[in-house]
Amino acid sequence: MKKTLLAAFFSIGLGLSLQPLCAQNSGQPPRNPETMAAKQTEQMATRLQLTEEQKAQALEINTRYAHQFMALREQGQPQRDAMMDLAKRQGEEMKAVLTEDQFAEYQKMRKENAKKMKGRRGGKGQPGGGNPEGGMEF
């Protein structure tokens, strides 16, 4: 389960790092970390039925980590280990904000996202494809 969780979190970071490339390919401008974090938080709020307090905390966490993922991306080739470490820390922080049931659903969301991203890359881990609206999907 730990490997699955780390793979899912890694895919989130990879998705954030490929976000500008995907947006560029779809003819839309790259999205900034705040916009991506806001969309991610809204999706979480809907699916996890977050309270207003949880939503505010999740937005802060998502925004902070979106900036960190984007900073890694801007350094050139994203470092897999660094991305996985960021994703792991983000998950640990989310676990402190969410209830046990919400966190279980959050983990499901991450796994689903990892599968979608793998499917977009043809299952070979190659960049490409993406959400035509330029956002991350869960």
C-alpha atoms as a PDB file:
ATOM      1  CA  MET A   1       0.000   0.000   0.000  1.00  0.00           C
ATOM      2  CA  LYS A   2       2.889   2.330   0.792  1.00  0.00           C
ATOM      3  CA  LYS A   3       4.298   1.885  -2.719  1.00  0.00           C
ATOM      4  CA  THR A   4       0.880   2.540  -4.252  1.00  0.00           C
ATOM      5  CA  LEU A   5       0.454   5.686  -2.187  1.00  0.00           C
ATOM      6  CA  LEU A   6       3.900   6.938  -3.111  1.00  0.00           C
ATOM      7  CA  ALA A   7       3.261   6.179  -6.787  1.00  0.00           C
ATOM      8  CA  ALA A   8      -0.012   8.071  -6.623  1.00  0.00           C
ATOM      9  CA  PHE A   9       1.608  11.067  -4.954  1.00  0.00           C
ATOM     10  CA  PHE A  10       4.440  10.963  -7.462  1.00  0.00           C
ATOM     11  CA  SER A  11       1.941  11.091 -10.274  1.00  0.00           C
ATOM     12  CA  ILE A  12       0.380  14.189  -8.711  1.00  0.00           C
ATOM     13  CA  GLY A  13       3.745  15.900  -8.664  1.00  0.00           C
ATOM     14  CA  LEU A  14       4.453  14.782 -12.196  1.00  0.00           C
ATOM     15  CA  GLY A  15       1.065  16.083 -13.241  1.00  0.00           C
ATOM     16  CA  LEU A  16       1.849  19.441 -11.712  1.00  0.00           C
ATOM     17  CA  SER A  17       5.230  19.489 -13.398  1.00  0.00           C
ATOM     18  CA  LEU A  18       3.717  18.697 -16.798  1.00  0.00           C
ATOM     19  CA  GLN A  19       0.846  21.124 -16.362  1.00  0.00           C
ATOM     20  CA  PRO A  20       2.374  24.002 -18.346  1.00  0.00           C
ATOM     21  CA  LEU A  21       3.404  21.635 -21.130  1.00  0.00           C
ATOM     22  CA  CYS A  22      -0.105  20.182 -21.366  1.00  0.00           C
ATOM     23  CA  ALA A  23      -1.660  23.631 -21.353  1.00  0.00           C
ATOM     24  CA  GLN A  24       0.786  24.750 -24.013  1.00  0.00           C
ATOM     25  CA  ASN A  25      -0.160  21.830 -26.230  1.00  0.00           C
ATOM     26  CA  SER A  26      -3.873  22.544 -25.855  1.00  0.00           C
ATOM     27  CA  GLY A  27      -3.465  26.180 -26.874  1.00  0.00           C
ATOM     28  CA  GLN A  28      -4.239  27.444 -23.379  1.00  0.00           C
ATOM     29  CA  PRO A  29      -1.835  29.474 -21.262  1.00  0.00           C
ATOM     30  CA  PRO A  30       0.034  27.647 -18.490  1.00  0.00           C
ATOM     31  CA  ARG A  31      -1.755  27.697 -15.172  1.00  0.00           C
ATOM     32  CA  ASN A  32      -0.111  29.040 -12.068  1.00  0.00           C
ATOM     33  CA  PRO A  33       0.284  27.095  -8.807  1.00  0.00           C
ATOM     34  CA  GLU A  34      -2.502  29.057  -7.098  1.00  0.00           C
ATOM     35  CA  THR A  35      -4.988  28.184  -9.827  1.00  0.00           C
ATOM     36  CA  MET A  36      -4.010  24.522  -9.815  1.00  0.00           C
ATOM     37  CA  ALA A  37      -4.191  24.347  -6.018  1.00  0.00           C
ATOM     38  CA  ALA A  38      -7.608  26.029  -6.011  1.00  0.00           C
ATOM     39  CA  LYS A  39      -8.982  23.534  -8.539  1.00  0.00           C
ATOM     40  CA  GLN A  40      -7.503  20.599  -6.643  1.00  0.00           C
ATOM     41  CA  THR A  41      -8.978  21.909  -3.390  1.00  0.00           C
ATOM     42  CA  GLU A  42     -12.425  22.393  -4.942  1.00  0.00           C
ATOM     43  CA  GLN A  43     -12.386  18.826  -6.231  1.00  0.00           C
ATOM     44  CA  MET A  44     -11.381  17.609  -2.787  1.00  0.00           C
ATOM     45  CA  ALA A  45     -14.051  19.739  -1.098  1.00  0.00           C
ATOM     46  CA  THR A  46     -16.743  18.264  -3.311  1.00  0.00           C
ATOM     47  CA  ARG A  47     -15.680  14.639  -3.132  1.00  0.00           C
ATOM     48  CA  LEU A  48     -14.572  14.597   0.513  1.00  0.00           C
ATOM     49  CA  GLN A  49     -17.269  16.963   1.800  1.00  0.00           C
ATOM     50  CA  LEU A  50     -14.730  19.178   3.517  1.00  0.00           C
ATOM     51  CA  THR A  51     -15.749  21.667   6.159  1.00  0.00           C
ATOM     52  CA  GLU A  52     -14.842  25.307   5.543  1.00  0.00           C
ATOM     53  CA  GLU A  53     -11.949  24.974   7.988  1.00  0.00           C
ATOM     54  CA  GLN A  54     -10.664  21.841   6.253  1.00  0.00           C
ATOM     55  CA  LYS A  55     -11.050  23.515   2.872  1.00  0.00           C
ATOM     56  CA  ALA A  56      -8.948  26.482   4.002  1.00  0.00           C
ATOM     57  CA  GLN A  57      -6.263  24.178   5.404  1.00  0.00           C
ATOM     58  CA  ALA A  58      -6.263  22.005   2.273  1.00  0.00           C
ATOM     59  CA  LEU A  59      -5.947  25.072   0.053  1.00  0.00           C
ATOM     60  CA  GLU A  60      -2.936  26.285   2.026  1.00  0.00           C
ATOM     61  CA  ILE A  61      -1.274  22.855   1.795  1.00  0.00           C
ATOM     62  CA  ASN A  62      -2.109  22.401  -1.887  1.00  0.00           C
ATOM     63  CA  THR A  63      -0.847  25.883  -2.760  1.00  0.00           C
ATOM     64  CA  ARG A  64       2.413  25.444  -0.889  1.00  0.00           C
ATOM     65  CA  TYR A  65       3.120  22.097  -2.517  1.00  0.00           C
ATOM     66  CA  ALA A  66       2.041  23.283  -5.985  1.00  0.00           C
ATOM     67  CA  HIS A  67       4.713  25.983  -5.702  1.00  0.00           C
ATOM     68  CA  GLN A  68       7.295  23.415  -4.644  1.00  0.00           C
ATOM     69  CA  PHE A  69       6.397  21.021  -7.475  1.00  0.00           C
ATOM     70  CA  MET A  70       6.542  23.873  -9.979  1.00  0.00           C
ATOM     71  CA  ALA A  71       9.934  24.977  -8.617  1.00  0.00           C
ATOM     72  CA  LEU A  72      11.267  21.456  -9.183  1.00  0.00           C
ATOM     73  CA  ARG A  73       9.877  21.482 -12.708  1.00  0.00           C
ATOM     74  CA  GLU A  74      11.516  24.815 -13.463  1.00  0.00           C
ATOM     75  CA  GLN A  75      14.906  23.385 -12.505  1.00  0.00           C
ATOM     76  CA  GLY A  76      14.743  21.283 -15.645  1.00  0.00           C
ATOM     77  CA  GLN A  77      14.203  17.562 -15.507  1.00  0.00           C
ATOM     78  CA  PRO A  78      12.151  16.926 -12.345  1.00  0.00           C
ATOM     79  CA  GLN A  79      13.888  14.717  -9.839  1.00  0.00           C
ATOM     80  CA  ARG A  80      11.786  11.636  -9.138  1.00  0.00           C
ATOM     81  CA  ASP A  81      12.981  11.213  -5.557  1.00  0.00           C
ATOM     82  CA  ALA A  82      12.384  14.872  -4.732  1.00  0.00           C
ATOM     83  CA  MET A  83       8.900  14.713  -6.245  1.00  0.00           C
ATOM     84  CA  MET A  84       8.066  11.567  -4.299  1.00  0.00           C
ATOM     85  CA  ASP A  85       9.331  13.162  -1.102  1.00  0.00           C
ATOM     86  CA  LEU A  86       7.170  16.240  -1.663  1.00  0.00           C
ATOM     87  CA  ALA A  87       4.129  14.097  -2.430  1.00  0.00           C
ATOM     88  CA  LYS A  88       4.699  12.021   0.698  1.00  0.00           C
ATOM     89  CA  ARG A  89       4.975  15.110   2.885  1.00  0.00           C
ATOM     90  CA  GLN A  90       1.852  16.600   1.292  1.00  0.00           C
ATOM     91  CA  GLY A  91      -0.058  13.404   2.054  1.00  0.00           C
ATOM     92  CA  GLU A  92       1.145  13.427   5.654  1.00  0.00           C
ATOM     93  CA  GLU A  93      -0.056  17.001   6.076  1.00  0.00           C
ATOM     94  CA  MET A  94      -3.422  16.176   4.503  1.00  0.00           C
ATOM     95  CA  LYS A  95      -3.808  13.222   6.842  1.00  0.00           C
ATOM     96  CA  ALA A  96      -3.610  15.639   9.774  1.00  0.00           C
ATOM     97  CA  VAL A  97      -6.430  17.761   8.287  1.00  0.00           C
ATOM     98  CA  LEU A  98      -8.806  15.023   7.130  1.00  0.00           C
ATOM     99  CA  THR A  99     -10.852  12.511   9.069  1.00  0.00           C
ATOM    100  CA  GLU A 100      -9.942   8.847   8.723  1.00  0.00           C
ATOM    101  CA  ASP A 101     -12.753   8.263   6.203  1.00  0.00           C
ATOM    102  CA  GLN A 102     -11.886  11.392   4.232  1.00  0.00           C
ATOM    103  CA  PHE A 103      -8.234  10.411   4.090  1.00  0.00           C
ATOM    104  CA  ALA A 104      -9.164   6.945   2.794  1.00  0.00           C
ATOM    105  CA  GLU A 105     -11.201   8.622   0.028  1.00  0.00           C
ATOM    106  CA  TYR A 106      -8.334  11.056  -0.610  1.00  0.00           C
ATOM    107  CA  GLN A 107      -6.022   8.093  -1.156  1.00  0.00           C
ATOM    108  CA  LYS A 108      -8.546   6.623  -3.623  1.00  0.00           C
ATOM    109  CA  MET A 109      -8.569   9.932  -5.492  1.00  0.00           C
ATOM    110  CA  ARG A 110      -4.790   9.827  -5.755  1.00  0.00           C
ATOM    111  CA  LYS A 111      -4.814   6.252  -7.055  1.00  0.00           C
ATOM    112  CA  GLU A 112      -7.448   7.128  -9.640  1.00  0.00           C
ATOM    113  CA  ASN A 113      -5.408  10.125 -10.734  1.00  0.00           C
ATOM    114  CA  ALA A 114      -2.304   7.968 -11.063  1.00  0.00           C
ATOM    115  CA  LYS A 115      -4.194   5.533 -13.295  1.00  0.00           C
ATOM    116  CA  LYS A 116      -5.549   8.358 -15.465  1.00  0.00           C
ATOM    117  CA  MET A 117      -2.103   9.855 -15.884  1.00  0.00           C
ATOM    118  CA  LYS A 118      -0.597   6.479 -16.706  1.00  0.00           C
ATOM    119  CA  GLY A 119      -3.316   5.965 -19.309  1.00  0.00           C
ATOM    120  CA  ARG A 120      -2.611   9.337 -20.897  1.00  0.00           C
ATOM    121  CA  ARG A 121       1.030   8.416 -21.224  1.00  0.00           C
ATOM    122  CA  GLY A 122       0.200   5.077 -22.790  1.00  0.00           C
ATOM    123  CA  GLY A 123       1.294   3.260 -19.629  1.00  0.00           C
ATOM    124  CA  LYS A 124       4.952   3.832 -20.472  1.00  0.00           C
ATOM    125  CA  GLY A 125       5.660   6.815 -18.252  1.00  0.00           C
ATOM    126  CA  GLN A 126       6.189   9.118 -21.221  1.00  0.00           C
ATOM    127  CA  PRO A 127       5.046  12.721 -20.993  1.00  0.00           C
ATOM    128  CA  GLY A 128       2.237  13.826 -23.206  1.00  0.00           C
ATOM    129  CA  GLY A 129      -1.483  14.062 -23.284  1.00  0.00           C
ATOM    130  CA  GLY A 130      -3.308  15.718 -20.458  1.00  0.00           C
ATOM    131  CA  ASN A 131      -6.586  17.225 -19.516  1.00  0.00           C
ATOM    132  CA  PRO A 132      -7.741  19.386 -22.425  1.00  0.00           C
ATOM    133  CA  GLU A 133      -8.923  21.991 -19.925  1.00  0.00           C
ATOM    134  CA  GLY A 134      -5.402  22.202 -18.556  1.00  0.00           C
ATOM    135  CA  GLY A 135      -6.273  21.023 -15.048  1.00  0.00           C
ATOM    136  CA  MET A 136      -5.572  18.021 -12.936  1.00  0.00           C
ATOM    137  CA  GLU A 137      -8.247  15.413 -12.659  1.00  0.00           C
ATOM    138  CA  PHE A 138      -8.926  13.166  -9.713  1.00  0.00           C
END
